Amino acid sequence: MKKLIFKFTAIFLIFILPTSVLAFKKEPLGIFQGLLLLKKLDLSKAQVDQIINILEKYKIKRNLLIPELIKARRNLNRIIHSEDKTEDDIRRAFRKVSRIREDLIVLNAKMIKEIKEVLTEEQINILERIRKKRRFRKYFIENFK
């Protein structure tokens, strides 16, 4: 019986534990991930100040849109699960969610464009290499778990 328990424990440690660690290993999300990425670029004090100003400028707009998006998603879910739903109601609610997401994506693209204007060519190249590594790692983890 002890040998059976030992074998089961060994199998668990060898096969299951590493995959569960990979499943829970996540990088920081949102703005913190962006800040960690920018930290790797060896920015000057002036660049840091400019980027902080850009982030603060867009933070205000994002903070207005995110609660609106949460409210629109909840409304869409409420409509989908209601008994008296109609196709038009669902489409209207979905379009509202899509419009807000579109606004957030455009806002993010504008912010990235402004940040790239602050960076040197070398820093932009480093940034692109880091992003490619992350995309590859994400693809690998998602497709070969």
C-alpha atoms as a PDB file:
ATOM      1  CA  MET A   1       0.000   0.000   0.000  1.00  0.00           C
ATOM      2  CA  LYS A   2       2.836   2.397   0.820  1.00  0.00           C
ATOM      3  CA  LYS A   3       4.428   1.696  -2.579  1.00  0.00           C
ATOM      4  CA  LEU A   4       1.146   2.546  -4.314  1.00  0.00           C
ATOM      5  CA  ILE A   5       0.869   5.848  -2.421  1.00  0.00           C
ATOM      6  CA  PHE A   6       4.513   6.612  -3.183  1.00  0.00           C
ATOM      7  CA  LYS A   7       3.994   5.921  -6.917  1.00  0.00           C
ATOM      8  CA  PHE A   8       0.865   8.053  -7.020  1.00  0.00           C
ATOM      9  CA  THR A   9       2.672  10.918  -5.285  1.00  0.00           C
ATOM     10  CA  ALA A  10       5.626  10.627  -7.676  1.00  0.00           C
ATOM     11  CA  ILE A  11       3.327  10.706 -10.710  1.00  0.00           C
ATOM     12  CA  PHE A  12       1.541  13.725  -9.281  1.00  0.00           C
ATOM     13  CA  LEU A  13       4.787  15.607  -8.676  1.00  0.00           C
ATOM     14  CA  ILE A  14       6.245  14.761 -12.074  1.00  0.00           C
ATOM     15  CA  PHE A  15       3.246  15.335 -14.333  1.00  0.00           C
ATOM     16  CA  ILE A  16       0.435  17.259 -12.693  1.00  0.00           C
ATOM     17  CA  LEU A  17       2.206  19.799 -10.496  1.00  0.00           C
ATOM     18  CA  PRO A  18       4.248  21.482 -13.277  1.00  0.00           C
ATOM     19  CA  THR A  19       1.200  21.885 -15.517  1.00  0.00           C
ATOM     20  CA  SER A  20      -0.875  23.363 -12.717  1.00  0.00           C
ATOM     21  CA  VAL A  21       1.902  25.861 -11.970  1.00  0.00           C
ATOM     22  CA  LEU A  22       1.918  26.899 -15.643  1.00  0.00           C
ATOM     23  CA  ALA A  23      -1.849  27.273 -15.593  1.00  0.00           C
ATOM     24  CA  PHE A  24      -1.732  29.710 -12.678  1.00  0.00           C
ATOM     25  CA  LYS A  25       1.387  31.615 -13.748  1.00  0.00           C
ATOM     26  CA  LYS A  26       0.115  34.879 -15.103  1.00  0.00           C
ATOM     27  CA  GLU A  27       1.789  38.128 -15.873  1.00  0.00           C
ATOM     28  CA  PRO A  28       0.474  41.392 -14.479  1.00  0.00           C
ATOM     29  CA  LEU A  29      -2.432  42.764 -16.429  1.00  0.00           C
ATOM     30  CA  GLY A  30      -3.335  46.116 -17.859  1.00  0.00           C
ATOM     31  CA  ILE A  31      -1.359  49.232 -17.180  1.00  0.00           C
ATOM     32  CA  PHE A  32       1.047  47.443 -14.804  1.00  0.00           C
ATOM     33  CA  GLN A  33       2.127  45.085 -17.575  1.00  0.00           C
ATOM     34  CA  GLY A  34       2.756  48.119 -19.781  1.00  0.00           C
ATOM     35  CA  LEU A  35       4.772  49.830 -17.064  1.00  0.00           C
ATOM     36  CA  LEU A  36       6.904  46.723 -16.529  1.00  0.00           C
ATOM     37  CA  LEU A  37       7.484  46.550 -20.263  1.00  0.00           C
ATOM     38  CA  LEU A  38       8.556  50.197 -20.380  1.00  0.00           C
ATOM     39  CA  LYS A  39      10.885  49.615 -17.420  1.00  0.00           C
ATOM     40  CA  LYS A  40      12.950  47.235 -19.585  1.00  0.00           C
ATOM     41  CA  LEU A  41      13.640  50.016 -22.111  1.00  0.00           C
ATOM     42  CA  ASP A  42      16.098  51.990 -19.945  1.00  0.00           C
ATOM     43  CA  LEU A  43      14.179  55.254 -20.257  1.00  0.00           C
ATOM     44  CA  SER A  44      15.624  58.652 -19.441  1.00  0.00           C
ATOM     45  CA  LYS A  45      14.029  60.820 -16.735  1.00  0.00           C
ATOM     46  CA  ALA A  46      12.480  63.081 -19.396  1.00  0.00           C
ATOM     47  CA  GLN A  47      11.001  60.076 -21.224  1.00  0.00           C
ATOM     48  CA  VAL A  48       9.550  58.709 -17.987  1.00  0.00           C
ATOM     49  CA  ASP A  49       7.921  62.068 -17.214  1.00  0.00           C
ATOM     50  CA  GLN A  50       6.466  62.330 -20.735  1.00  0.00           C
ATOM     51  CA  ILE A  51       5.105  58.777 -20.630  1.00  0.00           C
ATOM     52  CA  ILE A  52       3.567  59.303 -17.189  1.00  0.00           C
ATOM     53  CA  ASN A  53       1.823  62.426 -18.517  1.00  0.00           C
ATOM     54  CA  ILE A  54       0.500  60.460 -21.519  1.00  0.00           C
ATOM     55  CA  LEU A  55      -0.728  57.641 -19.278  1.00  0.00           C
ATOM     56  CA  GLU A  56      -2.424  60.103 -16.926  1.00  0.00           C
ATOM     57  CA  LYS A  57      -4.116  61.888 -19.843  1.00  0.00           C
ATOM     58  CA  TYR A  58      -5.642  58.646 -21.124  1.00  0.00           C
ATOM     59  CA  LYS A  59      -6.350  57.255 -17.655  1.00  0.00           C
ATOM     60  CA  ILE A  60      -9.099  59.823 -17.157  1.00  0.00           C
ATOM     61  CA  LYS A  61     -10.826  58.845 -20.405  1.00  0.00           C
ATOM     62  CA  ARG A  62     -10.405  55.105 -19.706  1.00  0.00           C
ATOM     63  CA  ASN A  63     -11.822  55.502 -16.198  1.00  0.00           C
ATOM     64  CA  LEU A  64     -14.962  57.012 -17.713  1.00  0.00           C
ATOM     65  CA  LEU A  65     -15.381  54.260 -20.326  1.00  0.00           C
ATOM     66  CA  ILE A  66     -14.659  51.158 -18.217  1.00  0.00           C
ATOM     67  CA  PRO A  67     -17.643  51.527 -15.822  1.00  0.00           C
ATOM     68  CA  GLU A  68     -19.822  52.251 -18.851  1.00  0.00           C
ATOM     69  CA  LEU A  69     -18.565  49.027 -20.489  1.00  0.00           C
ATOM     70  CA  ILE A  70     -19.239  46.998 -17.334  1.00  0.00           C
ATOM     71  CA  LYS A  71     -22.769  48.397 -17.153  1.00  0.00           C
ATOM     72  CA  ALA A  72     -23.395  47.681 -20.867  1.00  0.00           C
ATOM     73  CA  ARG A  73     -22.108  44.076 -20.539  1.00  0.00           C
ATOM     74  CA  ARG A  74     -24.324  43.457 -17.522  1.00  0.00           C
ATOM     75  CA  ASN A  75     -27.282  44.872 -19.420  1.00  0.00           C
ATOM     76  CA  LEU A  76     -26.520  42.607 -22.404  1.00  0.00           C
ATOM     77  CA  ASN A  77     -26.323  39.548 -20.137  1.00  0.00           C
ATOM     78  CA  ARG A  78     -29.563  40.553 -18.397  1.00  0.00           C
ATOM     79  CA  ILE A  79     -31.330  40.882 -21.761  1.00  0.00           C
ATOM     80  CA  ILE A  80     -29.958  37.581 -23.067  1.00  0.00           C
ATOM     81  CA  HIS A  81     -31.211  35.696 -20.001  1.00  0.00           C
ATOM     82  CA  SER A  82     -34.564  37.454 -19.683  1.00  0.00           C
ATOM     83  CA  GLU A  83     -37.793  35.741 -20.631  1.00  0.00           C
ATOM     84  CA  ASP A  84     -39.186  38.599 -22.728  1.00  0.00           C
ATOM     85  CA  LYS A  85     -36.102  39.238 -24.887  1.00  0.00           C
ATOM     86  CA  THR A  86     -36.345  40.179 -28.532  1.00  0.00           C
ATOM     87  CA  GLU A  87     -33.714  40.007 -31.222  1.00  0.00           C
ATOM     88  CA  ASP A  88     -33.730  43.806 -31.553  1.00  0.00           C
ATOM     89  CA  ASP A  89     -33.087  44.248 -27.823  1.00  0.00           C
ATOM     90  CA  ILE A  90     -30.139  41.871 -27.954  1.00  0.00           C
ATOM     91  CA  ARG A  91     -28.689  43.556 -31.051  1.00  0.00           C
ATOM     92  CA  ARG A  92     -29.089  47.026 -29.544  1.00  0.00           C
ATOM     93  CA  ALA A  93     -27.366  45.983 -26.301  1.00  0.00           C
ATOM     94  CA  PHE A  94     -24.595  44.211 -28.218  1.00  0.00           C
ATOM     95  CA  ARG A  95     -23.965  47.294 -30.392  1.00  0.00           C
ATOM     96  CA  LYS A  96     -23.613  49.415 -27.262  1.00  0.00           C
ATOM     97  CA  VAL A  97     -20.989  47.031 -25.818  1.00  0.00           C
ATOM     98  CA  SER A  98     -19.186  46.977 -29.176  1.00  0.00           C
ATOM     99  CA  ARG A  99     -19.181  50.777 -29.438  1.00  0.00           C
ATOM    100  CA  ILE A 100     -17.639  51.178 -25.985  1.00  0.00           C
ATOM    101  CA  ARG A 101     -15.014  48.479 -26.681  1.00  0.00           C
ATOM    102  CA  GLU A 102     -14.200  50.219 -29.962  1.00  0.00           C
ATOM    103  CA  ASP A 103     -13.722  53.517 -28.112  1.00  0.00           C
ATOM    104  CA  LEU A 104     -11.361  51.825 -25.648  1.00  0.00           C
ATOM    105  CA  ILE A 105      -9.346  50.202 -28.444  1.00  0.00           C
ATOM    106  CA  VAL A 106      -9.015  53.501 -30.323  1.00  0.00           C
ATOM    107  CA  LEU A 107      -7.998  55.229 -27.096  1.00  0.00           C
ATOM    108  CA  ASN A 108      -5.353  52.559 -26.496  1.00  0.00           C
ATOM    109  CA  ALA A 109      -4.021  52.914 -30.050  1.00  0.00           C
ATOM    110  CA  LYS A 110      -3.717  56.697 -29.632  1.00  0.00           C
ATOM    111  CA  MET A 111      -1.890  56.220 -26.331  1.00  0.00           C
ATOM    112  CA  ILE A 112       0.555  53.715 -27.861  1.00  0.00           C
ATOM    113  CA  LYS A 113       1.204  56.073 -30.781  1.00  0.00           C
ATOM    114  CA  GLU A 114       2.010  58.957 -28.430  1.00  0.00           C
ATOM    115  CA  ILE A 115       4.268  56.779 -26.274  1.00  0.00           C
ATOM    116  CA  LYS A 116       6.167  55.543 -29.348  1.00  0.00           C
ATOM    117  CA  GLU A 117       6.807  59.174 -30.340  1.00  0.00           C
ATOM    118  CA  VAL A 118       8.688  59.591 -27.040  1.00  0.00           C
ATOM    119  CA  LEU A 119      10.859  56.488 -27.552  1.00  0.00           C
ATOM    120  CA  THR A 120      14.051  56.267 -29.593  1.00  0.00           C
ATOM    121  CA  GLU A 121      14.304  53.934 -32.580  1.00  0.00           C
ATOM    122  CA  GLU A 122      16.412  51.494 -30.551  1.00  0.00           C
ATOM    123  CA  GLN A 123      13.849  51.436 -27.715  1.00  0.00           C
ATOM    124  CA  ILE A 124      11.035  50.780 -30.196  1.00  0.00           C
ATOM    125  CA  ASN A 125      13.006  47.832 -31.608  1.00  0.00           C
ATOM    126  CA  ILE A 126      13.532  46.427 -28.091  1.00  0.00           C
ATOM    127  CA  LEU A 127       9.829  46.873 -27.394  1.00  0.00           C
ATOM    128  CA  GLU A 128       8.869  44.999 -30.565  1.00  0.00           C
ATOM    129  CA  ARG A 129      11.229  42.111 -29.722  1.00  0.00           C
ATOM    130  CA  ILE A 130       9.727  41.801 -26.239  1.00  0.00           C
ATOM    131  CA  ARG A 131       6.184  41.863 -27.643  1.00  0.00           C
ATOM    132  CA  LYS A 132       7.042  39.155 -30.203  1.00  0.00           C
ATOM    133  CA  LYS A 133       8.469  36.927 -27.458  1.00  0.00           C
ATOM    134  CA  ARG A 134       5.330  37.384 -25.397  1.00  0.00           C
ATOM    135  CA  ARG A 135       3.064  36.627 -28.365  1.00  0.00           C
ATOM    136  CA  PHE A 136       5.035  33.453 -29.106  1.00  0.00           C
ATOM    137  CA  ARG A 137       4.976  32.383 -25.461  1.00  0.00           C
ATOM    138  CA  LYS A 138       1.217  33.071 -25.227  1.00  0.00           C
ATOM    139  CA  TYR A 139       0.579  31.139 -28.456  1.00  0.00           C
ATOM    140  CA  PHE A 140       2.702  28.227 -27.240  1.00  0.00           C
ATOM    141  CA  ILE A 141       1.011  28.067 -23.837  1.00  0.00           C
ATOM    142  CA  GLU A 142      -2.511  28.349 -25.310  1.00  0.00           C
ATOM    143  CA  ASN A 143      -1.992  25.713 -28.002  1.00  0.00           C
ATOM    144  CA  PHE A 144       0.277  23.161 -26.333  1.00  0.00           C
ATOM    145  CA  LYS A 145      -0.979  22.840 -22.748  1.00  0.00           C
END
